[in-house]
Amino acid sequence: PNFALGAVLMMHLAKVAAKYLDYAEIIELHHHQKADSPSGTALSTAKAMAAARGKPFYHLSEQEKKSGSRGEPVEGVIIHSVRLPGLLAHQEVILGGPGQTLIIRHDTISRECYMPGVMLAIKEVVKHKGLVYGLDTLLGL
């Protein structure tokens, strides 16, 4: 799970929007030393959006000139991964419908953004019995 409160809120808002807009893609950008691709946050976001939607997202008909060049479909959401020096952690969820798009973005500017979420988890987890997974549970989302 992600301990950045803004990232958790971004994921929640994406789940809400997924019920109302029929097309979705995620662009996740991270530093060049990140080992996994797509990121765990992007995978979790796509799965949560699909579950909240309850039906597949639509895809425009298209032809890829090279297989995989349009990203990786996860639960019907296309995920694009970028790894470059100069980045830390960023995720953009783009949803679309006729004549409109909605973009929900979270940017990690510094790793200090994780501390409020870690502190919240330490404070709140003792109030729960059993396994607690994710800040969204502790935030009541």
C-alpha atoms as a PDB file:
ATOM      1  CA  PRO A   1       0.000   0.000   0.000  1.00  0.00           C
ATOM      2  CA  ASN A   2       0.934   3.634  -0.465  1.00  0.00           C
ATOM      3  CA  PHE A   3       1.486   5.768   2.650  1.00  0.00           C
ATOM      4  CA  ALA A   4       1.132   9.143   0.888  1.00  0.00           C
ATOM      5  CA  LEU A   5      -2.253  10.525   1.938  1.00  0.00           C
ATOM      6  CA  GLY A   6      -2.614  12.319  -1.395  1.00  0.00           C
ATOM      7  CA  ALA A   7      -2.047   9.078  -3.313  1.00  0.00           C
ATOM      8  CA  VAL A   8      -4.664   7.291  -1.207  1.00  0.00           C
ATOM      9  CA  LEU A   9      -7.143  10.101  -1.892  1.00  0.00           C
ATOM     10  CA  MET A  10      -6.302   9.992  -5.615  1.00  0.00           C
ATOM     11  CA  MET A  11      -7.090   6.275  -5.674  1.00  0.00           C
ATOM     12  CA  HIS A  12     -10.382   6.862  -3.858  1.00  0.00           C
ATOM     13  CA  LEU A  13     -11.433   9.637  -6.244  1.00  0.00           C
ATOM     14  CA  ALA A  14     -10.534   7.434  -9.218  1.00  0.00           C
ATOM     15  CA  LYS A  15     -12.823   4.696  -7.855  1.00  0.00           C
ATOM     16  CA  VAL A  16     -15.680   7.190  -7.530  1.00  0.00           C
ATOM     17  CA  ALA A  17     -15.153   8.570 -11.047  1.00  0.00           C
ATOM     18  CA  ALA A  18     -14.844   5.077 -12.572  1.00  0.00           C
ATOM     19  CA  LYS A  19     -18.566   4.541 -12.061  1.00  0.00           C
ATOM     20  CA  TYR A  20     -19.441   7.475 -14.306  1.00  0.00           C
ATOM     21  CA  LEU A  21     -16.869   7.638 -17.110  1.00  0.00           C
ATOM     22  CA  ASP A  22     -16.434   4.818 -19.617  1.00  0.00           C
ATOM     23  CA  TYR A  23     -12.763   5.102 -20.602  1.00  0.00           C
ATOM     24  CA  ALA A  24      -9.691   5.026 -18.348  1.00  0.00           C
ATOM     25  CA  GLU A  25      -5.914   5.016 -18.585  1.00  0.00           C
ATOM     26  CA  ILE A  26      -3.176   5.508 -15.998  1.00  0.00           C
ATOM     27  CA  ILE A  27       0.223   7.080 -16.540  1.00  0.00           C
ATOM     28  CA  GLU A  28       2.652   6.363 -13.726  1.00  0.00           C
ATOM     29  CA  LEU A  29       6.088   7.954 -13.640  1.00  0.00           C
ATOM     30  CA  HIS A  30       8.928   7.013 -11.288  1.00  0.00           C
ATOM     31  CA  HIS A  31      12.674   7.399 -10.794  1.00  0.00           C
ATOM     32  CA  HIS A  32      14.862   5.287 -13.044  1.00  0.00           C
ATOM     33  CA  GLN A  33      15.917   2.932 -10.234  1.00  0.00           C
ATOM     34  CA  LYS A  34      12.399   1.696  -9.460  1.00  0.00           C
ATOM     35  CA  ALA A  35      12.413  -2.056  -9.963  1.00  0.00           C
ATOM     36  CA  ASP A  36       8.766  -2.783 -10.743  1.00  0.00           C
ATOM     37  CA  SER A  37       6.665  -1.716 -13.673  1.00  0.00           C
ATOM     38  CA  PRO A  38       3.823  -0.966 -13.512  1.00  0.00           C
ATOM     39  CA  SER A  39       3.963   0.307  -9.953  1.00  0.00           C
ATOM     40  CA  GLY A  40       1.992  -1.307  -7.165  1.00  0.00           C
ATOM     41  CA  THR A  41      -0.033   1.876  -6.775  1.00  0.00           C
ATOM     42  CA  ALA A  42      -0.989   1.856 -10.467  1.00  0.00           C
ATOM     43  CA  LEU A  43      -1.974  -1.815 -10.301  1.00  0.00           C
ATOM     44  CA  SER A  44      -4.021  -1.244  -7.135  1.00  0.00           C
ATOM     45  CA  THR A  45      -5.698   1.800  -8.666  1.00  0.00           C
ATOM     46  CA  ALA A  46      -6.685  -0.082 -11.832  1.00  0.00           C
ATOM     47  CA  LYS A  47      -8.053  -3.043  -9.861  1.00  0.00           C
ATOM     48  CA  ALA A  48      -9.982  -0.786  -7.465  1.00  0.00           C
ATOM     49  CA  MET A  49     -11.463   1.209 -10.360  1.00  0.00           C
ATOM     50  CA  ALA A  50     -12.587  -1.970 -12.132  1.00  0.00           C
ATOM     51  CA  ALA A  51     -14.147  -3.357  -8.950  1.00  0.00           C
ATOM     52  CA  ALA A  52     -15.967  -0.089  -8.220  1.00  0.00           C
ATOM     53  CA  ARG A  53     -17.215   0.143 -11.801  1.00  0.00           C
ATOM     54  CA  GLY A  54     -18.563  -3.388 -11.888  1.00  0.00           C
ATOM     55  CA  LYS A  55     -18.293  -3.635 -15.671  1.00  0.00           C
ATOM     56  CA  PRO A  56     -15.446  -3.354 -18.185  1.00  0.00           C
ATOM     57  CA  PHE A  57     -14.137  -0.022 -19.397  1.00  0.00           C
ATOM     58  CA  TYR A  58     -14.606   0.651 -23.105  1.00  0.00           C
ATOM     59  CA  HIS A  59     -11.665   0.810 -25.491  1.00  0.00           C
ATOM     60  CA  LEU A  60     -11.513   2.722 -28.719  1.00  0.00           C
ATOM     61  CA  SER A  61     -10.698   0.587 -31.706  1.00  0.00           C
ATOM     62  CA  GLU A  62      -7.077   1.067 -32.621  1.00  0.00           C
ATOM     63  CA  GLN A  63      -4.211  -0.674 -34.279  1.00  0.00           C
ATOM     64  CA  GLU A  64      -0.856  -0.888 -32.564  1.00  0.00           C
ATOM     65  CA  LYS A  65       2.059  -0.672 -34.916  1.00  0.00           C
ATOM     66  CA  LYS A  66       4.133  -2.466 -32.284  1.00  0.00           C
ATOM     67  CA  SER A  67       2.623  -4.847 -29.747  1.00  0.00           C
ATOM     68  CA  GLY A  68       2.504  -3.315 -26.267  1.00  0.00           C
ATOM     69  CA  SER A  69       3.127   0.240 -27.441  1.00  0.00           C
ATOM     70  CA  ARG A  70      -0.232   1.369 -26.040  1.00  0.00           C
ATOM     71  CA  GLY A  71       0.581   0.229 -22.519  1.00  0.00           C
ATOM     72  CA  GLU A  72      -0.426  -2.732 -20.390  1.00  0.00           C
ATOM     73  CA  PRO A  73      -4.119  -3.489 -19.839  1.00  0.00           C
ATOM     74  CA  VAL A  74      -4.908  -4.278 -16.193  1.00  0.00           C
ATOM     75  CA  GLU A  75      -8.542  -5.008 -15.367  1.00  0.00           C
ATOM     76  CA  GLY A  76      -9.496  -3.072 -18.506  1.00  0.00           C
ATOM     77  CA  VAL A  77      -7.459   0.025 -17.581  1.00  0.00           C
ATOM     78  CA  ILE A  78      -4.428   0.727 -19.780  1.00  0.00           C
ATOM     79  CA  ILE A  79      -1.320   1.518 -17.692  1.00  0.00           C
ATOM     80  CA  HIS A  80       1.665   3.399 -19.123  1.00  0.00           C
ATOM     81  CA  SER A  81       4.914   3.278 -17.126  1.00  0.00           C
ATOM     82  CA  VAL A  82       7.712   5.847 -17.361  1.00  0.00           C
ATOM     83  CA  ARG A  83      11.124   5.474 -15.670  1.00  0.00           C
ATOM     84  CA  LEU A  84      13.498   8.449 -15.891  1.00  0.00           C
ATOM     85  CA  PRO A  85      16.137  10.233 -13.819  1.00  0.00           C
ATOM     86  CA  GLY A  86      14.734  13.363 -12.191  1.00  0.00           C
ATOM     87  CA  LEU A  87      11.391  11.807 -11.274  1.00  0.00           C
ATOM     88  CA  LEU A  88      10.342  10.537  -7.860  1.00  0.00           C
ATOM     89  CA  ALA A  89       6.772   9.160  -7.937  1.00  0.00           C
ATOM     90  CA  HIS A  90       3.829  10.492  -9.924  1.00  0.00           C
ATOM     91  CA  GLN A  91       0.533   9.022 -11.071  1.00  0.00           C
ATOM     92  CA  GLU A  92      -2.129  10.399 -13.351  1.00  0.00           C
ATOM     93  CA  VAL A  93      -5.506   8.744 -13.798  1.00  0.00           C
ATOM     94  CA  ILE A  94      -7.239   9.908 -16.971  1.00  0.00           C
ATOM     95  CA  LEU A  95     -10.913   9.109 -17.411  1.00  0.00           C
ATOM     96  CA  GLY A  96     -12.932  10.066 -20.445  1.00  0.00           C
ATOM     97  CA  GLY A  97     -16.416  10.226 -21.798  1.00  0.00           C
ATOM     98  CA  PRO A  98     -18.140  11.937 -24.715  1.00  0.00           C
ATOM     99  CA  GLY A  99     -16.736  15.461 -24.973  1.00  0.00           C
ATOM    100  CA  GLN A 100     -14.824  15.417 -21.673  1.00  0.00           C
ATOM    101  CA  THR A 101     -11.882  14.121 -19.683  1.00  0.00           C
ATOM    102  CA  LEU A 102     -11.197  14.040 -15.968  1.00  0.00           C
ATOM    103  CA  ILE A 103      -7.581  13.942 -14.792  1.00  0.00           C
ATOM    104  CA  ILE A 104      -6.727  13.026 -11.207  1.00  0.00           C
ATOM    105  CA  ARG A 105      -3.013  13.381 -10.439  1.00  0.00           C
ATOM    106  CA  HIS A 106      -0.758  12.877  -7.449  1.00  0.00           C
ATOM    107  CA  ASP A 107       2.864  14.032  -7.355  1.00  0.00           C
ATOM    108  CA  THR A 108       5.384  12.936  -4.755  1.00  0.00           C
ATOM    109  CA  ILE A 109       7.825  15.823  -4.578  1.00  0.00           C
ATOM    110  CA  SER A 110       9.771  14.398  -1.632  1.00  0.00           C
ATOM    111  CA  ARG A 111       9.695  11.216   0.407  1.00  0.00           C
ATOM    112  CA  GLU A 112       8.631  13.199   3.478  1.00  0.00           C
ATOM    113  CA  CYS A 113       5.072  12.939   2.118  1.00  0.00           C
ATOM    114  CA  TYR A 114       4.941   9.372   3.441  1.00  0.00           C
ATOM    115  CA  MET A 115       5.454  10.308   7.113  1.00  0.00           C
ATOM    116  CA  PRO A 116       1.936  11.621   7.886  1.00  0.00           C
ATOM    117  CA  GLY A 117       0.486   8.369   6.529  1.00  0.00           C
ATOM    118  CA  VAL A 118       2.957   6.242   8.483  1.00  0.00           C
ATOM    119  CA  MET A 119       2.197   8.185  11.677  1.00  0.00           C
ATOM    120  CA  LEU A 120      -1.548   7.834  11.087  1.00  0.00           C
ATOM    121  CA  ALA A 121      -1.154   4.084  10.555  1.00  0.00           C
ATOM    122  CA  ILE A 122       0.853   3.680  13.767  1.00  0.00           C
ATOM    123  CA  LYS A 123      -1.702   5.685  15.743  1.00  0.00           C
ATOM    124  CA  GLU A 124      -4.838   4.069  14.294  1.00  0.00           C
ATOM    125  CA  VAL A 125      -3.879   0.433  13.714  1.00  0.00           C
ATOM    126  CA  VAL A 126      -3.894  -0.374  17.447  1.00  0.00           C
ATOM    127  CA  LYS A 127      -7.609   0.495  17.495  1.00  0.00           C
ATOM    128  CA  HIS A 128      -8.406  -2.362  15.094  1.00  0.00           C
ATOM    129  CA  LYS A 129      -8.516  -6.103  15.593  1.00  0.00           C
ATOM    130  CA  GLY A 130      -7.137  -8.402  12.939  1.00  0.00           C
ATOM    131  CA  LEU A 131      -5.392  -7.453   9.731  1.00  0.00           C
ATOM    132  CA  VAL A 132      -5.755  -3.879   8.495  1.00  0.00           C
ATOM    133  CA  TYR A 133      -4.631  -3.293   4.909  1.00  0.00           C
ATOM    134  CA  GLY A 134      -4.212   0.204   3.504  1.00  0.00           C
ATOM    135  CA  LEU A 135      -4.670   3.745   4.725  1.00  0.00           C
ATOM    136  CA  ASP A 136      -8.024   3.919   2.954  1.00  0.00           C
ATOM    137  CA  THR A 137      -9.399   1.584   5.629  1.00  0.00           C
ATOM    138  CA  LEU A 138      -8.033   3.778   8.414  1.00  0.00           C
ATOM    139  CA  LEU A 139      -9.411   6.898   6.710  1.00  0.00           C
ATOM    140  CA  GLY A 140     -12.848   5.338   6.298  1.00  0.00           C
ATOM    141  CA  LEU A 141     -12.753   5.542   2.492  1.00  0.00           C
END
